[in-house]
């Protein structure tokens, strides 16, 4: 997947709120975000943490890796996650 749009870490953090993520830590050039994901089948809640670089802009290869991590955790394709985030 190729990303042509450049995006900053702050812009990405705002977009990740759409998937339930909140900033939980910010230090040393990185932003840590956490989401509580409910598993309706098992009836449990798990926390998912993701760390993004505090860069402007985030490199396309890094953005692709972040999208892949989100896709894996949310059981969606990278394309679907990109569509949810970037429209």
N, C-alpha and C. Protein backbone atom coordinates (compact mmCIF):
# COMPACT_ATOMS: atom_id res chain seq x y z
N UNK A 1 0.84 -1.17 0.00
CA UNK A 1 0.00 0.00 0.00
C UNK A 1 0.89 1.23 0.00
N UNK A 2 0.57 2.17 -0.86
CA UNK A 2 1.38 3.37 -0.99
C UNK A 2 0.61 4.57 -0.45
N UNK A 3 1.25 5.35 0.41
CA UNK A 3 0.65 6.54 0.98
C UNK A 3 1.23 7.76 0.30
N UNK A 4 0.37 8.53 -0.34
CA UNK A 4 0.84 9.74 -1.01
C UNK A 4 0.64 10.97 -0.13
N UNK A 5 -0.27 10.90 0.82
CA UNK A 5 -0.55 12.03 1.69
C UNK A 5 0.45 12.07 2.84
N UNK A 6 0.98 13.26 3.11
CA UNK A 6 1.86 13.41 4.25
C UNK A 6 1.06 13.86 5.45
N UNK A 7 1.39 13.30 6.60
CA UNK A 7 0.63 13.54 7.81
C UNK A 7 1.59 13.64 8.99
N UNK A 8 1.28 14.52 9.93
CA UNK A 8 2.11 14.67 11.12
C UNK A 8 1.63 13.69 12.20
N UNK A 9 2.45 13.53 13.22
CA UNK A 9 2.09 12.63 14.33
C UNK A 9 0.85 13.15 15.06
N UNK A 10 0.76 14.47 15.23
CA UNK A 10 -0.42 15.02 15.92
C UNK A 10 -1.69 14.79 15.11
N UNK A 11 -1.61 14.92 13.80
CA UNK A 11 -2.77 14.66 12.94
C UNK A 11 -3.16 13.19 13.01
N UNK A 12 -2.17 12.29 13.01
CA UNK A 12 -2.45 10.86 13.10
C UNK A 12 -3.09 10.52 14.44
N UNK A 13 -2.61 11.13 15.52
CA UNK A 13 -3.19 10.87 16.85
C UNK A 13 -4.66 11.27 16.88
N UNK A 14 -5.00 12.38 16.24
CA UNK A 14 -6.41 12.82 16.18
C UNK A 14 -7.23 11.80 15.38
N UNK A 15 -6.68 11.32 14.26
CA UNK A 15 -7.39 10.34 13.44
C UNK A 15 -7.57 9.01 14.18
N UNK A 16 -6.59 8.64 15.00
CA UNK A 16 -6.67 7.38 15.73
C UNK A 16 -7.76 7.42 16.81
N UNK A 17 -8.19 8.60 17.20
CA UNK A 17 -9.31 8.69 18.14
C UNK A 17 -10.56 8.06 17.56
N UNK A 18 -10.68 8.05 16.21
CA UNK A 18 -11.82 7.41 15.55
C UNK A 18 -11.85 5.90 15.81
N UNK A 19 -10.69 5.32 16.10
CA UNK A 19 -10.61 3.89 16.41
C UNK A 19 -10.56 3.64 17.92
N UNK A 20 -10.76 4.69 18.72
CA UNK A 20 -10.82 4.53 20.16
C UNK A 20 -9.51 4.74 20.89
N UNK A 21 -8.49 5.25 20.23
CA UNK A 21 -7.18 5.46 20.85
C UNK A 21 -7.10 6.83 21.51
N UNK A 22 -6.42 6.86 22.64
CA UNK A 22 -6.16 8.11 23.38
C UNK A 22 -4.67 8.18 23.67
N UNK A 23 -4.13 9.37 23.67
CA UNK A 23 -2.71 9.56 24.01
C UNK A 23 -2.53 9.26 25.49
N UNK A 24 -1.61 8.34 25.80
CA UNK A 24 -1.35 7.99 27.19
C UNK A 24 0.04 8.41 27.64
N UNK A 25 0.94 8.69 26.69
CA UNK A 25 2.29 9.12 27.06
C UNK A 25 2.93 9.81 25.86
N UNK A 26 3.76 10.78 26.16
CA UNK A 26 4.47 11.50 25.10
C UNK A 26 5.84 11.88 25.65
N UNK A 27 6.89 11.25 25.09
CA UNK A 27 8.25 11.56 25.53
C UNK A 27 9.26 11.03 24.53
N UNK A 28 10.44 11.61 24.57
CA UNK A 28 11.58 11.16 23.76
C UNK A 28 11.25 11.01 22.28
N UNK A 29 10.44 11.91 21.74
CA UNK A 29 10.16 11.88 20.31
C UNK A 29 9.15 10.83 19.87
N UNK A 30 8.39 10.28 20.81
CA UNK A 30 7.37 9.29 20.49
C UNK A 30 6.07 9.60 21.22
N UNK A 31 4.98 9.12 20.64
CA UNK A 31 3.66 9.27 21.25
C UNK A 31 3.08 7.87 21.43
N UNK A 32 2.67 7.58 22.64
CA UNK A 32 2.06 6.27 22.95
C UNK A 32 0.56 6.46 23.04
N UNK A 33 -0.18 5.63 22.31
CA UNK A 33 -1.63 5.67 22.32
C UNK A 33 -2.17 4.32 22.79
N UNK A 34 -3.30 4.35 23.47
CA UNK A 34 -3.90 3.13 24.01
C UNK A 34 -5.39 3.12 23.70
N UNK A 35 -5.89 1.93 23.37
CA UNK A 35 -7.32 1.74 23.15
C UNK A 35 -7.78 0.53 23.94
N UNK A 36 -8.95 0.62 24.52
CA UNK A 36 -9.58 -0.52 25.19
C UNK A 36 -10.51 -1.16 24.17
N UNK A 37 -10.20 -2.39 23.78
CA UNK A 37 -10.95 -3.11 22.76
C UNK A 37 -11.77 -4.21 23.44
N UNK A 38 -13.07 -4.17 23.24
CA UNK A 38 -13.95 -5.18 23.83
C UNK A 38 -14.12 -6.36 22.88
N UNK A 39 -13.97 -7.56 23.43
CA UNK A 39 -14.22 -8.79 22.69
C UNK A 39 -15.59 -9.28 23.10
N UNK A 40 -16.58 -9.06 22.24
CA UNK A 40 -17.96 -9.41 22.58
C UNK A 40 -18.17 -10.91 22.68
N UNK A 41 -17.38 -11.69 21.96
CA UNK A 41 -17.53 -13.14 22.00
C UNK A 41 -17.04 -13.68 23.34
N UNK A 42 -15.85 -13.26 23.76
CA UNK A 42 -15.28 -13.75 25.01
C UNK A 42 -15.76 -12.95 26.21
N UNK A 43 -16.31 -11.77 25.96
CA UNK A 43 -16.77 -10.93 27.06
C UNK A 43 -15.65 -10.30 27.84
N UNK A 44 -14.54 -10.02 27.18
CA UNK A 44 -13.39 -9.43 27.85
C UNK A 44 -13.00 -8.11 27.17
N UNK A 45 -12.20 -7.34 27.87
CA UNK A 45 -11.66 -6.11 27.33
C UNK A 45 -10.14 -6.19 27.39
N UNK A 46 -9.51 -5.88 26.27
CA UNK A 46 -8.05 -5.87 26.22
C UNK A 46 -7.58 -4.47 25.86
N UNK A 47 -6.37 -4.15 26.30
CA UNK A 47 -5.76 -2.88 25.95
C UNK A 47 -4.79 -3.10 24.81
N UNK A 48 -4.85 -2.22 23.83
CA UNK A 48 -3.89 -2.26 22.73
C UNK A 48 -3.10 -0.96 22.75
N UNK A 49 -1.78 -1.09 22.76
CA UNK A 49 -0.89 0.07 22.78
C UNK A 49 -0.19 0.17 21.43
N UNK A 50 -0.04 1.37 20.95
CA UNK A 50 0.73 1.60 19.74
C UNK A 50 1.57 2.86 19.96
N UNK A 51 2.81 2.81 19.52
CA UNK A 51 3.72 3.94 19.65
C UNK A 51 4.03 4.47 18.26
N UNK A 52 3.87 5.78 18.10
CA UNK A 52 4.16 6.40 16.81
C UNK A 52 5.25 7.45 17.00
N UNK A 53 6.07 7.66 15.99
CA UNK A 53 7.11 8.69 16.12
C UNK A 53 6.49 10.07 16.08
N UNK A 54 7.02 10.98 16.88
CA UNK A 54 6.51 12.36 16.92
C UNK A 54 7.23 13.17 15.84
N UNK A 55 6.94 12.83 14.58
CA UNK A 55 7.58 13.46 13.43
C UNK A 55 6.57 14.24 12.61
N UNK A 56 7.07 15.21 11.87
CA UNK A 56 6.24 15.95 10.93
C UNK A 56 7.02 16.12 9.64
N UNK A 57 6.71 15.39 8.60
CA UNK A 57 5.67 14.35 8.50
C UNK A 57 6.21 12.98 8.90
N UNK A 58 5.29 12.05 9.12
CA UNK A 58 5.67 10.66 9.35
C UNK A 58 6.03 10.06 8.00
N UNK A 59 7.14 9.33 7.95
CA UNK A 59 7.58 8.71 6.70
C UNK A 59 6.53 7.72 6.20
N UNK A 60 6.32 7.63 4.88
CA UNK A 60 5.32 6.72 4.33
C UNK A 60 5.53 5.26 4.75
N UNK A 61 6.77 4.81 4.82
CA UNK A 61 7.03 3.42 5.21
C UNK A 61 6.62 3.20 6.68
N UNK A 62 6.83 4.20 7.52
CA UNK A 62 6.42 4.11 8.93
C UNK A 62 4.90 4.13 9.04
N UNK A 63 4.26 4.96 8.26
CA UNK A 63 2.79 5.01 8.25
C UNK A 63 2.20 3.69 7.78
N UNK A 64 2.84 3.06 6.82
CA UNK A 64 2.40 1.75 6.34
C UNK A 64 2.53 0.70 7.45
N UNK A 65 3.62 0.75 8.21
CA UNK A 65 3.82 -0.21 9.30
C UNK A 65 2.79 0.01 10.41
N UNK A 66 2.49 1.26 10.72
CA UNK A 66 1.48 1.57 11.74
C UNK A 66 0.12 1.05 11.29
N UNK A 67 -0.22 1.28 10.04
CA UNK A 67 -1.49 0.81 9.49
C UNK A 67 -1.57 -0.71 9.56
N UNK A 68 -0.46 -1.38 9.26
CA UNK A 68 -0.42 -2.84 9.34
C UNK A 68 -0.63 -3.34 10.75
N UNK A 69 -0.03 -2.68 11.73
CA UNK A 69 -0.20 -3.05 13.13
C UNK A 69 -1.66 -2.88 13.55
N UNK A 70 -2.27 -1.77 13.15
CA UNK A 70 -3.67 -1.53 13.48
C UNK A 70 -4.58 -2.56 12.81
N UNK A 71 -4.28 -2.88 11.56
CA UNK A 71 -5.08 -3.86 10.82
C UNK A 71 -5.03 -5.22 11.49
N UNK A 72 -3.85 -5.61 11.92
CA UNK A 72 -3.69 -6.90 12.58
C UNK A 72 -4.49 -6.97 13.88
N UNK A 73 -4.43 -5.91 14.66
CA UNK A 73 -5.12 -5.93 15.94
C UNK A 73 -6.63 -5.82 15.80
N UNK A 74 -7.09 -5.07 14.81
CA UNK A 74 -8.53 -4.86 14.65
C UNK A 74 -9.17 -5.84 13.66
N UNK A 75 -8.39 -6.83 13.19
CA UNK A 75 -8.88 -7.87 12.28
C UNK A 75 -9.47 -7.27 11.00
N UNK A 76 -8.77 -6.30 10.44
CA UNK A 76 -9.18 -5.67 9.19
C UNK A 76 -7.98 -5.66 8.24
N UNK A 77 -8.24 -5.35 6.98
CA UNK A 77 -7.14 -5.21 6.03
C UNK A 77 -6.51 -3.83 6.20
N UNK A 78 -5.27 -3.70 5.71
CA UNK A 78 -4.61 -2.40 5.76
C UNK A 78 -5.40 -1.37 4.97
N UNK A 79 -5.98 -1.80 3.87
CA UNK A 79 -6.76 -0.88 3.05
C UNK A 79 -7.99 -0.37 3.81
N UNK A 80 -8.64 -1.25 4.55
CA UNK A 80 -9.83 -0.86 5.31
C UNK A 80 -9.46 0.12 6.42
N UNK A 81 -8.35 -0.15 7.12
CA UNK A 81 -7.89 0.74 8.18
C UNK A 81 -7.52 2.10 7.59
N UNK A 82 -6.83 2.10 6.46
CA UNK A 82 -6.46 3.36 5.81
C UNK A 82 -7.71 4.14 5.42
N UNK A 83 -8.72 3.43 4.94
CA UNK A 83 -9.99 4.08 4.56
C UNK A 83 -10.68 4.67 5.80
N UNK A 84 -10.67 3.94 6.92
CA UNK A 84 -11.26 4.44 8.14
C UNK A 84 -10.55 5.69 8.66
N UNK A 85 -9.23 5.69 8.53
CA UNK A 85 -8.45 6.81 9.03
C UNK A 85 -8.45 8.02 8.11
N UNK A 86 -8.22 7.77 6.83
CA UNK A 86 -7.98 8.87 5.89
C UNK A 86 -9.15 9.16 4.96
N UNK A 87 -10.18 8.33 5.03
CA UNK A 87 -11.37 8.57 4.20
C UNK A 87 -11.28 8.12 2.81
